Amino acid sequence: MHLILGGRYMGKRDYAVKLYGTFPAVYDLSRDDPDDISPGLITNLQAGAKSLLHAGADPVRFFAGKIDVLRESVITCDEIGGGVVPADEFGRKWRDETGKLCQYLAGEADIVDRVFAGLALRLKG
């Protein structure tokens, strides 16, 4: 598993494609169902966490159940933990649970990178 973190529009997906070329499958969790993922490029993990929370599911438990698929994938996630704390309860929960999910996946990943302005910083691996 390769986890790539970074701000919105900072070049995470381009970095993944630069490293690995084309992917057998690409899943954008801002529009695709997390249940349908298979090995490949999985983008917008934070959106997948949000949809799972809306459905009453625990994102860490859900993705832990998909760990075999994730271990063969490259995953991108926007950093949503910085800046102003959301005013509403759901926004705070989403931010917290996405952070827990990223911590879990970073622990399981072989490689973790942070991308800022298209430049990668290797955090693990």
Protein backbone atom coordinates (compact mmCIF):
# COMPACT_ATOMS: atom_id res chain seq x y z
CA MET A 1 0.00 0.00 0.00
CA HIS A 2 1.15 3.49 -0.84
CA LEU A 3 -0.69 6.28 0.99
CA ILE A 4 -0.34 9.77 -0.44
CA LEU A 5 -1.53 12.67 1.71
CA GLY A 6 -1.71 16.36 0.90
CA GLY A 7 -3.90 19.37 0.45
CA ARG A 8 -6.58 19.67 -2.20
CA TYR A 9 -5.17 20.18 -5.71
CA MET A 10 -1.57 19.75 -4.55
CA GLY A 11 -0.72 17.07 -7.14
CA LYS A 12 -1.31 13.80 -5.29
CA ARG A 13 -2.88 12.00 -8.24
CA ASP A 14 -0.32 13.32 -10.73
CA TYR A 15 2.44 12.14 -8.39
CA ALA A 16 0.91 8.65 -8.23
CA VAL A 17 0.65 8.45 -12.02
CA LYS A 18 4.24 9.71 -12.38
CA LEU A 19 5.44 6.90 -10.09
CA TYR A 20 3.28 4.04 -11.32
CA GLY A 21 1.96 4.94 -14.76
CA THR A 22 -1.59 3.93 -15.57
CA PHE A 23 -3.64 1.96 -13.08
CA PRO A 24 -5.80 -1.11 -13.80
CA ALA A 25 -8.68 0.61 -11.99
CA VAL A 26 -9.28 4.10 -10.65
CA TYR A 27 -11.84 4.80 -7.91
CA ASP A 28 -12.83 8.31 -6.90
CA LEU A 29 -14.58 7.96 -3.55
CA SER A 30 -16.24 11.35 -4.02
CA ARG A 31 -18.48 9.56 -6.53
CA ASP A 32 -17.75 5.80 -6.39
CA ASP A 33 -19.10 3.42 -3.73
CA PRO A 34 -16.34 2.33 -1.30
CA ASP A 35 -17.85 -1.20 -1.40
CA ASP A 36 -16.89 -1.50 -5.06
CA ILE A 37 -13.12 -0.91 -4.79
CA SER A 38 -10.53 -3.35 -6.06
CA PRO A 39 -6.74 -2.94 -6.35
CA GLY A 40 -5.73 0.21 -8.19
CA LEU A 41 -5.73 3.94 -7.53
CA ILE A 42 -8.19 5.01 -4.85
CA THR A 43 -8.63 8.79 -4.62
CA ASN A 44 -10.50 11.10 -2.26
CA LEU A 45 -10.38 8.79 0.75
CA GLN A 46 -11.75 11.67 2.86
CA ALA A 47 -14.95 11.65 0.75
CA GLY A 48 -15.31 7.90 1.26
CA ALA A 49 -15.00 8.42 5.01
CA LYS A 50 -17.69 11.10 4.84
CA SER A 51 -20.14 8.89 2.95
CA LEU A 52 -19.56 6.04 5.39
CA LEU A 53 -20.20 8.34 8.35
CA HIS A 54 -23.42 9.55 6.73
CA ALA A 55 -24.45 5.88 6.46
CA GLY A 56 -23.66 5.31 10.16
CA ALA A 57 -20.56 3.18 9.50
CA ASP A 58 -17.14 3.39 11.15
CA PRO A 59 -14.60 4.29 8.40
CA VAL A 60 -11.64 2.62 10.15
CA ARG A 61 -13.56 -0.62 10.67
CA PHE A 62 -14.91 -0.52 7.10
CA PHE A 63 -11.51 -0.03 5.46
CA ALA A 64 -9.84 -2.51 7.85
CA GLY A 65 -12.23 -5.04 6.34
CA LYS A 66 -10.89 -4.11 2.89
CA ILE A 67 -7.22 -4.26 3.90
CA ASP A 68 -6.34 -6.96 1.33
CA VAL A 69 -7.54 -4.68 -1.49
CA LEU A 70 -5.86 -1.65 0.05
CA ARG A 71 -2.50 -3.42 0.39
CA GLU A 72 -2.37 -3.68 -3.41
CA SER A 73 -3.45 -0.07 -3.99
CA VAL A 74 -2.28 3.52 -4.07
CA ILE A 75 -4.55 5.72 -1.97
CA THR A 76 -4.80 9.50 -1.93
CA CYS A 77 -6.43 11.54 0.82
CA ASP A 78 -6.83 15.26 1.29
CA GLU A 79 -5.48 16.64 4.55
CA ILE A 80 -8.59 18.01 6.26
CA GLY A 81 -7.29 18.25 9.81
CA GLY A 82 -5.70 21.69 9.58
CA GLY A 83 -7.27 25.10 9.65
CA VAL A 84 -10.49 26.18 11.29
CA VAL A 85 -12.33 23.57 13.34
CA PRO A 86 -15.74 22.91 11.75
CA ALA A 87 -18.61 24.58 13.59
CA ASP A 88 -21.04 21.68 13.19
CA GLU A 89 -20.83 18.36 15.02
CA PHE A 90 -20.79 16.24 11.85
CA GLY A 91 -17.92 18.27 10.35
CA ARG A 92 -15.85 17.76 13.49
CA LYS A 93 -16.62 14.03 13.55
CA TRP A 94 -15.71 13.69 9.86
CA ARG A 95 -12.42 15.48 10.44
CA ASP A 96 -11.59 13.35 13.50
CA GLU A 97 -12.57 10.02 11.91
CA THR A 98 -10.66 10.80 8.71
CA GLY A 99 -7.59 11.52 10.84
CA LYS A 100 -8.00 8.18 12.64
CA LEU A 101 -8.41 6.42 9.29
CA CYS A 102 -5.23 8.01 7.92
CA GLN A 103 -3.32 7.01 11.06
CA TYR A 104 -4.52 3.43 10.68
CA LEU A 105 -3.65 3.28 6.99
CA ALA A 106 -0.26 4.94 7.53
CA GLY A 107 0.52 2.19 10.03
CA GLU A 108 -0.43 -0.50 7.51
CA ALA A 109 1.17 1.15 4.45
CA ASP A 110 4.56 0.25 3.02
CA ILE A 111 5.04 3.81 1.75
CA VAL A 112 3.55 7.10 2.95
CA ASP A 113 4.21 10.38 1.16
CA ARG A 114 3.00 13.92 1.67
CA VAL A 115 2.64 16.01 -1.48
CA PHE A 116 2.73 19.81 -1.39
CA ALA A 117 2.81 21.90 -4.57
CA GLY A 118 3.59 18.77 -6.55
CA LEU A 119 6.64 17.94 -4.44
CA ALA A 120 6.70 14.75 -2.40
CA LEU A 121 8.17 14.23 1.03
CA ARG A 122 8.65 10.57 1.99
CA LEU A 123 7.32 9.96 5.50
CA LYS A 124 7.62 6.16 5.53
CA GLY A 125 9.19 3.51 3.35
